[in-house]
Amino acid sequence: MSEREIELKLLCEPVELERIRRAPSLLRMKQGRASGKHLHSVYFDTRTLTLGDHGFALRLRRSGSGCVQTLKTETGVSGGATGALARDTGEYEARLPRGADEPDLNKLPDDLKSRIQKLANGNAIGPRLVSDIRRTIHNLETENGDLIELAFDLGALQANGGEAPVSEIELELKEGAPASLYRVALDLNEIANLRVGTRSKSERGFALLRPRAPVAVKAEPLLLGHDTTLEEAYETVLRHCLVHLMANEAAALEARLPEGLHQMRVALRRARSAFEIFRPGIGGSNADKLAAEAKWLANELGPARDFDVFVTEIVAPVTPRDPAMKKLLTRAETARADGWERAIAVLHSRRYTRFLLEYGLFLADRGWRVKRKAPALAHAFADEALGKRLAKVEKRGRDFEKLEGEARHDLRKQLKKLRYGVHFFSSLYDAGDVKSYLKHLSQMQDVFGGLNDVATAHLILDDLTGDGAAREAADRIIEWHERRAEKTWKGAIRLWKRFGAAEPFWQAA
């Protein structure tokens, strides 16, 4: 039997599960009595976990006097109508005889059987992971008539002598709209401290067999077609930004990688730019609210990022490391640690979870409106949108050689928004033309990024230092970077002229 499974996973501490069980809002939606299950499952794979690497989870689960074989086909966080945070998976079930202790691939559809065998490539498919879960199930019905199965899962995953605790909530759509999952999750988030989960139990369990440190990732290429509508492009771009954000959460939250936090802020800036770029044609009050929350979150993560840059790129190159410099660096490291604690607290906060769920709901529910005069196709809108972004850059860049302080900062922000716009729409144009133009734009943005880091260093040093030796060390740092900044600015003038001479690819015949 094959069926589609759409579910949203929420992680929490066991005490939070008890708080939710007693919630009045949940009691009003419950239909019938709760049921309990003991789910003892064994997951099978090759020794090198080839099936899991290709999005398959093959398990046997005891069920009464029999055994159920399940193959889940999933490729990670899903998008489309599910809103980017819910998983949309295929599930293939078959009953096996009592006492079965290994999968029967003949119970699978021929195409899946063939693919599993090809991936295994003659290697044995054996038991690799045990999942032992106590599950309590409630059937819910929302005000709109959507039917949802709510499961409280408590237990553990066991593999390779290791164990990972499980304490989570699964909301599975049985009938109705995927947006209902987000609405219920938002209600639960007001009751308890929850986090959005993006890894399946099999993925978490197999991590015990093959631990992998989280890594920071840049945004993947974004593909739009020439027949893509404005609405489709809007949804695709915003979903792309949310996936980029979530893809770096573990790198920032678990591994505390500076690049992970940086990429989260990049994803938030990209999302804010998307809301702004599309606003003339599509948007609304919900979009404006999400943009404001993205700005809040980026600001909360900002101090940690600023001190990461300050310590590694501003202070590190300057020598000698005399006692005054070391004292200044110690203060900076303390402030850096404080910034990171603030960032971690925010990423664990209920407000952050609410932002993710509201963003997912916005996509799943298509919570926007298209303006009456907006073009139907993304290509027509892109020409105009990129033209407007370039006009803002050119306006801020008048009298370029005389720009200072805030004026430089304003131009930097407009260059960044233009670059994000180019990335959003680049697949609609000739790749060679885009690459040539993007090279000039990227060079300009890199120059202004370095100049902005020096400006931020001024502010940080003013806070870290007072009088005496620390002030002398700070002055030495500023003097060193100002000399570099002066050379950089001379180079920026040449780059600006080249950029101005480059033909915008969207205006090409």
Protein backbone atom coordinates (compact mmCIF):
# COMPACT_ATOMS: atom_id res chain seq x y z
CA MET A 1 0.00 0.00 0.00
CA SER A 2 1.28 3.44 -0.89
CA GLU A 3 0.17 6.71 0.57
CA ARG A 4 1.34 10.27 0.91
CA GLU A 5 2.30 11.43 4.39
CA ILE A 6 2.45 15.11 5.31
CA GLU A 7 3.68 15.83 8.80
CA LEU A 8 5.19 18.58 10.90
CA LYS A 9 7.61 17.67 13.67
CA LEU A 10 8.08 19.69 16.87
CA LEU A 11 10.83 19.02 19.42
CA CYS A 12 10.53 19.72 23.14
CA GLU A 13 11.47 18.55 26.62
CA PRO A 14 9.27 15.84 28.20
CA VAL A 15 7.83 18.31 30.70
CA GLU A 16 6.51 20.37 27.77
CA LEU A 17 4.59 17.35 26.47
CA GLU A 18 2.69 17.18 29.74
CA ARG A 19 1.89 20.89 29.55
CA ILE A 20 0.44 20.45 26.07
CA ARG A 21 -1.62 17.39 27.03
CA ARG A 22 -3.60 19.54 29.47
CA ALA A 23 -4.01 22.55 27.18
CA PRO A 24 -7.66 23.71 26.85
CA SER A 25 -7.20 24.63 23.18
CA LEU A 26 -6.14 21.06 22.44
CA LEU A 27 -8.99 19.55 24.42
CA ARG A 28 -11.49 21.46 22.29
CA MET A 29 -10.14 19.84 19.11
CA LYS A 30 -9.83 16.26 20.40
CA GLN A 31 -12.08 13.65 18.87
CA GLY A 32 -12.63 10.51 20.92
CA ARG A 33 -10.23 8.94 23.36
CA ALA A 34 -6.47 8.88 23.10
CA SER A 35 -4.76 5.65 22.15
CA GLY A 36 -1.34 4.39 23.15
CA LYS A 37 1.21 2.33 21.26
CA HIS A 38 4.59 0.81 21.91
CA LEU A 39 6.51 1.21 18.66
CA HIS A 40 9.54 -1.05 18.43
CA SER A 41 11.12 -0.54 15.02
CA VAL A 42 14.27 -1.81 13.38
CA TYR A 43 15.74 0.16 10.49
CA PHE A 44 17.68 -1.61 7.76
CA ASP A 45 20.41 -0.33 5.48
CA THR A 46 23.75 -1.29 4.01
CA ARG A 47 26.81 -1.03 6.22
CA THR A 48 27.67 2.26 4.52
CA LEU A 49 24.08 3.56 4.92
CA THR A 50 23.58 3.94 1.18
CA LEU A 51 19.77 3.87 1.37
CA GLY A 52 19.61 6.66 3.93
CA ASP A 53 22.01 8.74 1.90
CA HIS A 54 19.54 8.57 -1.00
CA GLY A 55 16.43 9.48 1.01
CA PHE A 56 15.11 6.00 1.86
CA ALA A 57 14.16 4.63 5.28
CA LEU A 58 13.38 0.90 5.36
CA ARG A 59 12.02 -0.48 8.64
CA LEU A 60 10.23 -3.40 10.25
CA ARG A 61 7.83 -2.61 13.09
CA ARG A 62 6.08 -5.07 15.40
CA SER A 63 2.32 -4.63 15.17
CA GLY A 64 0.19 -6.87 17.35
CA SER A 65 0.89 -10.46 16.37
CA GLY A 66 2.36 -9.45 13.03
CA CYS A 67 4.99 -7.26 11.50
CA VAL A 68 4.70 -4.25 9.20
CA GLN A 69 7.37 -3.37 6.64
CA THR A 70 7.55 0.32 5.69
CA LEU A 71 9.64 2.09 3.10
CA LYS A 72 9.65 5.88 3.37
CA THR A 73 10.89 7.91 0.45
CA GLU A 74 11.97 11.35 1.47
CA THR A 75 14.57 13.82 0.38
CA GLY A 76 14.57 16.19 3.36
CA VAL A 77 12.59 19.32 4.14
CA SER A 78 9.83 19.67 1.60
CA GLY A 79 8.40 22.71 -0.06
CA GLY A 80 5.43 23.41 -2.29
CA ALA A 81 2.03 23.43 -0.63
CA THR A 82 3.47 22.08 2.63
CA GLY A 83 5.13 25.41 3.42
CA ALA A 84 8.80 24.30 3.46
CA LEU A 85 8.91 23.00 7.06
CA ALA A 86 6.50 20.07 6.88
CA ARG A 87 7.68 16.82 5.34
CA ASP A 88 5.87 15.44 2.32
CA THR A 89 6.89 11.80 2.01
CA GLY A 90 5.90 8.66 0.20
CA GLU A 91 5.15 5.65 2.40
CA TYR A 92 4.90 2.04 1.21
CA GLU A 93 3.59 -0.50 3.73
CA ALA A 94 3.18 -4.27 3.60
CA ARG A 95 2.36 -6.86 6.25
CA LEU A 96 4.93 -9.60 6.81
CA PRO A 97 4.48 -12.92 8.61
CA ARG A 98 4.75 -13.07 12.37
CA GLY A 99 8.34 -13.35 13.45
CA ALA A 100 9.78 -11.80 10.26
CA ASP A 101 13.21 -10.41 11.02
CA GLU A 102 14.30 -9.04 7.67
CA PRO A 103 12.67 -6.99 4.90
CA ASP A 104 11.00 -8.60 1.90
CA LEU A 105 11.87 -6.44 -1.12
CA ASN A 106 9.35 -8.40 -3.21
CA LYS A 107 6.62 -6.55 -1.30
CA LEU A 108 7.76 -3.25 -2.85
CA PRO A 109 6.63 -1.81 -6.19
CA ASP A 110 8.93 -3.08 -8.96
CA ASP A 111 10.54 0.31 -9.61
CA LEU A 112 11.39 0.82 -5.93
CA LYS A 113 12.63 -2.72 -5.52
CA SER A 114 14.93 -2.23 -8.48
CA ARG A 115 16.23 1.04 -7.15
CA ILE A 116 16.91 -0.36 -3.67
CA GLN A 117 18.80 -3.30 -5.16
CA LYS A 118 20.79 -1.01 -7.40
CA LEU A 119 21.77 1.21 -4.46
CA ALA A 120 22.74 -1.81 -2.36
CA ASN A 121 24.88 -3.05 -5.26
CA GLY A 122 25.11 -6.56 -3.86
CA ASN A 123 25.90 -5.47 -0.31
CA ALA A 124 23.86 -6.93 2.52
CA ILE A 125 20.94 -4.89 3.86
CA GLY A 126 20.94 -5.52 7.59
CA PRO A 127 19.61 -4.07 10.86
CA ARG A 128 21.42 -0.86 11.76
CA LEU A 129 19.15 1.07 14.13
CA VAL A 130 16.52 0.37 16.79
CA SER A 131 13.79 2.85 17.64
CA ASP A 132 11.89 2.22 20.87
CA ILE A 133 9.07 4.71 21.30
CA ARG A 134 6.00 5.08 23.51
CA ARG A 135 3.44 6.93 21.41
CA THR A 136 0.18 8.54 22.51
CA ILE A 137 -2.16 9.49 19.69
CA HIS A 138 -4.93 12.08 19.68
CA ASN A 139 -7.25 12.69 16.74
CA LEU A 140 -7.97 16.37 16.21
CA GLU A 141 -10.51 18.25 14.16
CA THR A 142 -9.96 21.96 13.53
CA GLU A 143 -12.63 24.62 13.18
CA ASN A 144 -12.32 24.31 9.39
CA GLY A 145 -12.88 20.56 9.49
CA ASP A 146 -9.24 19.53 8.91
CA LEU A 147 -8.38 16.18 10.47
CA ILE A 148 -4.97 15.87 12.13
CA GLU A 149 -3.31 13.07 14.05
CA LEU A 150 -1.28 14.41 16.95
CA ALA A 151 1.32 12.00 18.36
CA PHE A 152 3.38 12.43 21.52
CA ASP A 153 6.56 10.38 21.16
CA LEU A 154 8.84 9.52 24.08
CA GLY A 155 11.66 7.03 23.90
CA ALA A 156 15.10 6.51 22.43
CA LEU A 157 17.05 5.64 19.31
CA GLN A 158 19.80 3.06 19.74
CA ALA A 159 22.68 2.28 17.40
CA ASN A 160 26.33 1.35 17.64
CA GLY A 161 26.18 1.27 21.43
CA GLY A 162 24.93 4.85 21.54
CA GLU A 163 21.55 6.30 22.37
CA ALA A 164 19.65 9.46 21.42
CA PRO A 165 16.56 10.44 23.44
CA VAL A 166 13.30 11.19 21.63
CA SER A 167 10.80 13.73 22.95
CA GLU A 168 8.70 15.20 20.19
CA ILE A 169 5.31 15.91 18.73
CA GLU A 170 4.25 14.84 15.26
CA LEU A 171 1.32 16.49 13.55
CA GLU A 172 0.20 14.39 10.58
CA LEU A 173 -2.42 15.64 8.14
CA LYS A 174 -5.16 13.07 7.61
CA GLU A 175 -7.61 15.23 5.72
CA GLY A 176 -7.65 18.89 4.73
CA ALA A 177 -5.10 21.62 4.02
CA PRO A 178 -1.39 21.48 5.05
CA ALA A 179 -1.77 25.01 6.42
CA SER A 180 -3.82 23.54 9.29
CA LEU A 181 -0.67 21.83 10.63
CA TYR A 182 0.97 25.23 11.08
CA ARG A 183 -2.06 26.75 12.77
CA VAL A 184 -2.20 23.93 15.31
CA ALA A 185 1.59 24.13 15.82
CA LEU A 186 1.34 27.88 16.44
CA ASP A 187 -1.32 27.25 19.10
CA LEU A 188 0.90 24.66 20.77
CA ASN A 189 3.88 27.02 20.65
CA GLU A 190 1.94 29.47 22.79
CA ILE A 191 1.57 26.76 25.43
CA ALA A 192 5.03 25.23 25.53
CA ASN A 193 8.61 25.83 24.41
CA LEU A 194 8.91 24.06 21.06
CA ARG A 195 11.41 23.86 18.23
CA VAL A 196 10.77 22.90 14.64
CA GLY A 197 12.31 19.51 13.83
CA THR A 198 13.64 18.87 10.34
CA ARG A 199 15.25 15.42 10.74
CA SER A 200 13.37 12.13 10.78
CA LYS A 201 13.98 9.52 13.47
CA SER A 202 15.96 7.43 11.00
CA GLU A 203 18.19 10.40 10.15
CA ARG A 204 18.82 11.10 13.83
CA GLY A 205 19.46 7.45 14.56
CA PHE A 206 21.85 6.90 11.68
CA ALA A 207 23.80 9.90 12.95
CA LEU A 208 24.80 7.66 15.87
CA LEU A 209 26.39 5.28 13.37
CA ARG A 210 28.09 7.95 11.35
CA PRO A 211 28.45 11.18 13.31
CA ARG A 212 28.86 14.22 11.12
CA ALA A 213 29.61 17.67 12.41
CA PRO A 214 27.14 20.28 11.12
CA VAL A 215 28.49 22.47 8.34
CA ALA A 216 27.50 25.91 7.10
CA VAL A 217 26.01 26.04 3.62
CA LYS A 218 25.45 28.83 1.14
CA ALA A 219 22.20 29.23 -0.75
CA GLU A 220 21.83 26.78 -3.59
CA PRO A 221 21.11 28.05 -7.12
CA LEU A 222 17.52 29.12 -7.59
CA LEU A 223 15.78 28.00 -10.78
CA LEU A 224 12.83 29.76 -12.41
CA GLY A 225 11.49 29.06 -15.88
CA HIS A 226 10.47 31.53 -18.57
CA ASP A 227 6.85 30.47 -18.08
CA THR A 228 7.03 30.87 -14.27
CA THR A 229 4.24 33.10 -13.01
CA LEU A 230 4.81 35.96 -10.61
CA GLU A 231 3.09 34.04 -7.80
CA GLU A 232 5.15 30.92 -8.45
CA ALA A 233 8.37 32.94 -8.42
CA TYR A 234 7.36 34.69 -5.18
CA GLU A 235 6.65 31.38 -3.45
CA THR A 236 9.80 29.73 -4.82
CA VAL A 237 12.11 32.57 -3.77
CA LEU A 238 10.66 32.87 -0.27
CA ARG A 239 10.73 29.11 0.28
CA HIS A 240 14.34 29.08 -0.94
CA CYS A 241 15.27 31.68 1.70
CA LEU A 242 13.55 29.72 4.48
CA VAL A 243 15.28 26.48 3.50
CA HIS A 244 18.63 28.33 3.45
CA LEU A 245 17.95 29.63 6.96
CA MET A 246 17.01 26.22 8.38
CA ALA A 247 19.90 24.47 6.63
CA ASN A 248 22.33 26.50 8.77
CA GLU A 249 20.54 26.25 12.09
CA ALA A 250 22.50 23.22 13.32
CA ALA A 251 25.82 24.77 12.28
CA ALA A 252 25.03 27.85 14.37
CA LEU A 253 23.10 26.28 17.24
CA GLU A 254 24.90 22.98 17.79
CA ALA A 255 28.40 23.58 16.38
CA ARG A 256 28.50 27.34 16.99
CA LEU A 257 30.23 27.90 13.69
CA PRO A 258 30.67 31.60 12.85
CA GLU A 259 29.95 30.84 9.19
CA GLY A 260 26.72 29.07 10.17
CA LEU A 261 25.49 32.15 12.02
CA HIS A 262 26.63 34.35 9.13
CA GLN A 263 24.68 32.25 6.63
CA MET A 264 21.56 32.46 8.80
CA ARG A 265 21.83 36.24 8.69
CA VAL A 266 22.40 36.12 4.93
CA ALA A 267 19.24 34.02 4.57
CA LEU A 268 17.28 36.56 6.62
CA ARG A 269 18.61 39.46 4.55
CA ARG A 270 17.72 37.59 1.37
CA ALA A 271 14.19 37.05 2.66
CA ARG A 272 13.80 40.72 3.60
CA SER A 273 15.11 41.74 0.19
CA ALA A 274 12.66 39.36 -1.49
CA PHE A 275 9.72 40.87 0.37
CA GLU A 276 10.89 44.35 -0.66
CA ILE A 277 11.70 43.49 -4.28
CA PHE A 278 8.35 41.79 -4.90
CA ARG A 279 6.29 44.32 -2.92
CA PRO A 280 5.29 46.45 -5.97
CA GLY A 281 3.54 43.41 -7.45
CA ILE A 282 2.70 41.03 -4.62
CA GLY A 283 2.69 40.99 -0.83
CA GLY A 284 0.41 42.30 1.88
CA SER A 285 0.31 42.86 5.64
CA ASN A 286 1.41 39.28 6.45
CA ALA A 287 4.46 39.73 4.25
CA ASP A 288 5.32 43.00 5.98
CA LYS A 289 5.00 41.32 9.38
CA LEU A 290 7.37 38.52 8.38
CA ALA A 291 9.86 41.02 6.98
CA ALA A 292 9.81 42.89 10.30
CA GLU A 293 10.39 39.67 12.24
CA ALA A 294 13.25 38.72 9.94
CA LYS A 295 14.85 42.09 10.67
CA TRP A 296 14.41 41.56 14.42
CA LEU A 297 16.03 38.14 14.24
CA ALA A 298 18.96 39.34 12.13
CA ASN A 299 19.56 42.16 14.64
CA GLU A 300 19.56 39.69 17.54
CA LEU A 301 22.18 37.56 15.79
CA GLY A 302 24.18 40.63 14.78
CA PRO A 303 26.42 41.20 17.84
CA ALA A 304 27.84 37.67 17.68
CA ARG A 305 28.61 38.10 13.99
CA ASP A 306 30.15 41.55 14.50
CA PHE A 307 32.52 40.25 17.17
CA ASP A 308 33.37 37.17 15.10
CA VAL A 309 34.58 39.51 12.37
CA PHE A 310 36.23 41.88 14.82
CA VAL A 311 38.31 39.19 16.51
CA THR A 312 39.28 37.22 13.38
CA GLU A 313 39.61 39.94 10.75
CA ILE A 314 40.15 43.23 12.56
CA VAL A 315 42.35 42.40 15.56
CA ALA A 316 44.11 39.22 14.33
CA PRO A 317 46.19 40.84 11.51
CA VAL A 318 47.55 43.64 13.70
CA THR A 319 50.86 43.11 15.53
CA PRO A 320 52.69 43.18 17.88
CA ARG A 321 50.66 41.34 20.52
CA ASP A 322 51.81 43.40 23.48
CA PRO A 323 50.00 43.27 26.88
CA ALA A 324 47.66 46.10 25.91
CA MET A 325 46.64 44.34 22.69
CA LYS A 326 46.13 41.06 24.57
CA LYS A 327 43.95 42.82 27.14
CA LEU A 328 41.86 44.35 24.39
CA LEU A 329 41.51 40.97 22.70
CA THR A 330 40.41 39.38 25.99
CA ARG A 331 37.65 41.98 26.32
CA ALA A 332 36.61 41.35 22.73
CA GLU A 333 36.48 37.59 23.29
CA THR A 334 34.29 38.12 26.35
CA ALA A 335 31.92 40.34 24.35
CA ARG A 336 31.98 37.78 21.55
CA ALA A 337 30.95 35.02 23.97
CA ASP A 338 28.14 37.23 25.30
CA GLY A 339 26.95 37.86 21.74
CA TRP A 340 26.87 34.14 21.05
CA GLU A 341 24.93 33.41 24.22
CA ARG A 342 22.39 35.99 23.13
CA ALA A 343 22.16 34.41 19.68
CA ILE A 344 21.75 30.89 21.09
CA ALA A 345 19.04 32.08 23.49
CA VAL A 346 17.14 33.68 20.62
CA LEU A 347 17.36 30.53 18.49
CA HIS A 348 15.90 28.59 21.41
CA SER A 349 13.17 31.16 21.96
CA ARG A 350 9.46 30.74 21.41
CA ARG A 351 9.48 33.85 19.22
CA TYR A 352 11.95 32.28 16.81
CA THR A 353 9.81 29.14 16.55
CA ARG A 354 6.75 31.32 15.97
CA PHE A 355 8.58 33.15 13.16
CA LEU A 356 9.42 29.86 11.43
CA LEU A 357 5.87 28.54 11.78
CA GLU A 358 4.29 31.79 10.59
CA TYR A 359 6.67 31.83 7.62
CA GLY A 360 5.72 28.21 6.81
CA LEU A 361 2.02 29.04 7.18
CA PHE A 362 2.43 32.02 4.87
CA LEU A 363 3.77 29.73 2.15
CA ALA A 364 1.34 26.86 2.75
CA ASP A 365 -1.70 29.13 2.91
CA ARG A 366 -0.49 31.46 0.12
CA GLY A 367 -1.15 34.34 2.47
CA TRP A 368 -0.45 37.13 -0.02
CA ARG A 369 -2.30 39.14 -2.63
CA VAL A 370 -1.28 39.96 -6.19
CA LYS A 371 -1.82 43.57 -7.18
CA ARG A 372 -4.18 44.20 -10.08
CA LYS A 373 -1.61 45.76 -12.43
CA ALA A 374 1.18 43.29 -11.66
CA PRO A 375 2.52 41.34 -14.66
CA ALA A 376 1.45 37.72 -14.86
CA LEU A 377 4.91 36.33 -15.61
CA ALA A 378 8.00 36.54 -13.43
CA HIS A 379 10.19 37.45 -16.40
CA ALA A 380 8.29 40.66 -17.09
CA PHE A 381 8.34 41.58 -13.40
CA ALA A 382 12.07 40.82 -13.09
CA ASP A 383 13.05 43.32 -15.79
CA GLU A 384 11.27 46.09 -13.92
CA ALA A 385 12.35 44.98 -10.43
CA LEU A 386 16.05 44.81 -11.32
CA GLY A 387 15.81 48.16 -13.07
CA LYS A 388 14.41 49.74 -9.90
CA ARG A 389 17.14 48.20 -7.77
CA LEU A 390 19.83 49.50 -10.12
CA ALA A 391 18.26 52.97 -10.09
CA LYS A 392 18.54 53.03 -6.29
CA VAL A 393 22.21 52.02 -6.53
CA GLU A 394 22.93 54.74 -9.07
CA LYS A 395 21.12 57.34 -6.96
CA ARG A 396 23.16 56.46 -3.85
CA GLY A 397 26.36 56.41 -5.96
CA ARG A 398 26.17 59.96 -7.28
CA ASP A 399 29.37 61.84 -6.47
CA PHE A 400 30.87 58.46 -5.65
CA GLU A 401 34.35 59.79 -4.86
CA LYS A 402 32.94 62.09 -2.17
CA LEU A 403 30.93 59.42 -0.32
CA GLU A 404 31.65 59.00 3.37
CA GLY A 405 30.19 57.36 6.44
CA GLU A 406 26.45 56.78 6.26
CA ALA A 407 26.32 57.49 2.52
CA ARG A 408 28.76 54.65 1.85
CA HIS A 409 26.73 52.40 4.12
CA ASP A 410 23.51 53.22 2.24
CA LEU A 411 25.17 52.42 -1.10
CA ARG A 412 26.48 49.14 0.31
CA LYS A 413 22.96 48.09 1.31
CA GLN A 414 21.55 48.93 -2.11
CA LEU A 415 24.34 46.99 -3.85
CA LYS A 416 23.54 44.01 -1.65
CA LYS A 417 19.82 44.16 -2.49
CA LEU A 418 20.63 44.39 -6.19
CA ARG A 419 22.86 41.34 -5.90
CA TYR A 420 20.13 39.37 -4.13
CA GLY A 421 17.70 40.37 -6.87
CA VAL A 422 20.15 39.17 -9.51
CA HIS A 423 20.41 35.81 -7.73
CA PHE A 424 16.62 35.50 -7.48
CA PHE A 425 16.03 36.08 -11.20
CA SER A 426 19.31 35.03 -12.85
CA SER A 427 17.92 31.76 -14.25
CA LEU A 428 15.53 33.79 -16.41
CA TYR A 429 18.42 35.28 -18.42
CA ASP A 430 21.47 34.23 -20.40
CA ALA A 431 23.97 32.68 -17.99
CA GLY A 432 27.00 34.32 -19.62
CA ASP A 433 25.52 37.82 -19.43
CA VAL A 434 24.55 37.30 -15.78
CA LYS A 435 28.00 35.99 -14.84
CA SER A 436 29.80 38.97 -16.36
CA TYR A 437 27.53 41.50 -14.66
CA LEU A 438 27.58 39.66 -11.34
CA LYS A 439 31.38 39.71 -11.32
CA HIS A 440 31.41 43.53 -11.31
CA LEU A 441 28.60 43.67 -8.75
CA SER A 442 30.28 41.16 -6.43
CA GLN A 443 33.57 43.06 -6.52
CA MET A 444 31.79 46.25 -5.48
CA GLN A 445 29.93 44.49 -2.69
CA ASP A 446 33.13 42.87 -1.36
CA VAL A 447 34.88 46.24 -1.23
CA PHE A 448 32.02 47.86 0.67
CA GLY A 449 31.77 44.88 2.98
CA GLY A 450 35.38 45.35 4.04
CA LEU A 451 34.89 49.09 4.53
CA ASN A 452 31.80 48.41 6.65
CA ASP A 453 33.78 46.02 8.87
CA VAL A 454 36.24 48.84 9.61
CA ALA A 455 33.36 51.21 10.41
CA THR A 456 31.89 48.62 12.78
CA ALA A 457 35.33 48.19 14.39
CA HIS A 458 35.32 51.90 15.29
CA LEU A 459 32.07 51.43 17.21
CA ILE A 460 33.26 48.27 18.95
CA LEU A 461 36.56 49.80 20.00
CA ASP A 462 34.81 52.84 21.42
CA ASP A 463 32.83 50.49 23.69
CA LEU A 464 35.74 48.25 24.65
CA THR A 465 38.38 50.82 25.47
CA GLY A 466 38.79 53.74 27.78
CA ASP A 467 41.99 55.64 28.38
CA GLY A 468 45.59 54.49 28.65
CA ALA A 469 47.23 51.48 27.05
CA ALA A 470 43.98 49.93 25.79
CA ARG A 471 43.20 53.13 23.94
CA GLU A 472 46.65 53.13 22.40
CA ALA A 473 46.15 49.55 21.20
CA ALA A 474 42.78 50.51 19.74
CA ASP A 475 44.30 53.48 17.93
CA ARG A 476 46.97 51.20 16.49
CA ILE A 477 44.30 48.81 15.17
CA ILE A 478 42.31 51.65 13.61
CA GLU A 479 45.39 53.21 12.06
CA TRP A 480 46.41 49.88 10.50
CA HIS A 481 42.97 49.32 8.96
CA GLU A 482 42.48 52.91 7.90
CA ARG A 483 45.63 52.69 5.78
CA ARG A 484 44.21 49.61 4.10
CA ALA A 485 40.81 51.24 3.76
CA GLU A 486 42.35 54.22 1.97
CA LYS A 487 43.91 51.92 -0.62
CA THR A 488 40.67 49.94 -0.86
CA TRP A 489 38.70 53.11 -1.54
CA LYS A 490 41.00 54.09 -4.39
CA GLY A 491 40.41 50.67 -5.87
CA ALA A 492 36.68 51.06 -5.31
CA ILE A 493 36.62 54.16 -7.48
CA ARG A 494 38.05 52.18 -10.39
CA LEU A 495 35.63 49.31 -9.77
CA TRP A 496 32.68 51.71 -9.65
CA LYS A 497 33.55 53.05 -13.09
CA ARG A 498 33.74 49.52 -14.49
CA PHE A 499 30.46 48.63 -12.86
CA GLY A 500 28.81 51.72 -14.29
CA ALA A 501 30.04 50.81 -17.77
CA ALA A 502 28.69 47.25 -17.56
CA GLU A 503 25.46 46.77 -19.51
CA PRO A 504 22.63 45.46 -17.29
CA PHE A 505 21.91 41.99 -18.66
CA TRP A 506 18.14 42.38 -18.30
CA GLN A 507 18.27 45.26 -20.77
CA ALA A 508 20.11 43.24 -23.40
CA ALA A 509 18.28 42.78 -26.70
